[in-house]
Amino acid sequence: MATSTAVPRVAAVTGAARGLGRAIALRLATDGFDVAVNDIESAKPELESLQQEIMSHGRRSVTHVGDVSVEENVKMLVDDAAQALGKLDVMVANAGICITKPLLETSVEEWDRIHAINSRGTFLCYKYGAQQMIKQGSGGRLIGASSVAGKQAWSSIPAYSSTKFTVRGLTQAAAGEFGKHHINVNAYAPGPIDTNMLSDIGNGLGGKDGFYKQLDKAAALGFYDGKPEDIAALVSYLASPDSKFVTGQTIICDGGSVFD
């Protein structure tokens, strides 16, 4: 029997310790990727647990602890992935936070912090991920985290919404710039997904039970109950050869709450 000599593909996922990031990292591992996973210091135990789970699928994994709003951290993540795992084929800029406050109650410090993580963090992942892929000369995938709130802003989360519009614009611009290097750049736009962030938004709006009922009514499929694995499946497609003719797009996955 012939032995496969195929070189494993390598992905890096930020904000990977829980929620969407964890589901994405595990899905890519089952797809055959070796995976570098990143999150902040407080999530280190969960990140190490994720690494072990990825390795249980027969894949290699490295962890990187650091805030993606800090340029040196993102550079180190890319370098660590390339050095420890051999290269970088897919960069998933998933890390993000949300602030549930109307515009008049949002402080400059809160505004700057959410933009530092959600907007600057994505910019840094795209920049340094692309630099590594260009150096390798074999193309790649840059994948960002937008939101339905980046298609149709929510007045209850204006700062968050603005960051997700930023990700959309950055994704389009990067797709135009990096296409000549055979790098596809796309973003996923989740609707309400069953994560801690969604629960926090609901609580911030006066009670998650009532909030969830409103979401049910808004969804064409009649339920809001998206799971992290639903988003991971979309990212799996964007990371795969099947998406070779797709770039510059921000794709909604929300049960039919927002039609684009």
Foldseek 3Di string as FASTA:
>chain_A
DDDDPDQFAEEEFEPQLDFLNVLLQQLVLLVRYAYEYEYAPVSVVSQVVSQVVSVVSVHHYHYAHDQLLDLVSLLVSQVCRCVVRPAHAEYELEDFAFDQAAPVPDDPVNLVVRCSRLPSSLVSSLVNNLVRLLVVLPEHEYEYEAAVCLVPNDRRTNSNSVSNVNLLVVQLVSCVVCVVSLYAGEYEHEYDEPDVRLQVNQVSVPHVVVVQCVLLVLAPQNHQHHYSNQVSVVVVCRRDPVCSVDHSYYHYDTNHNDDD
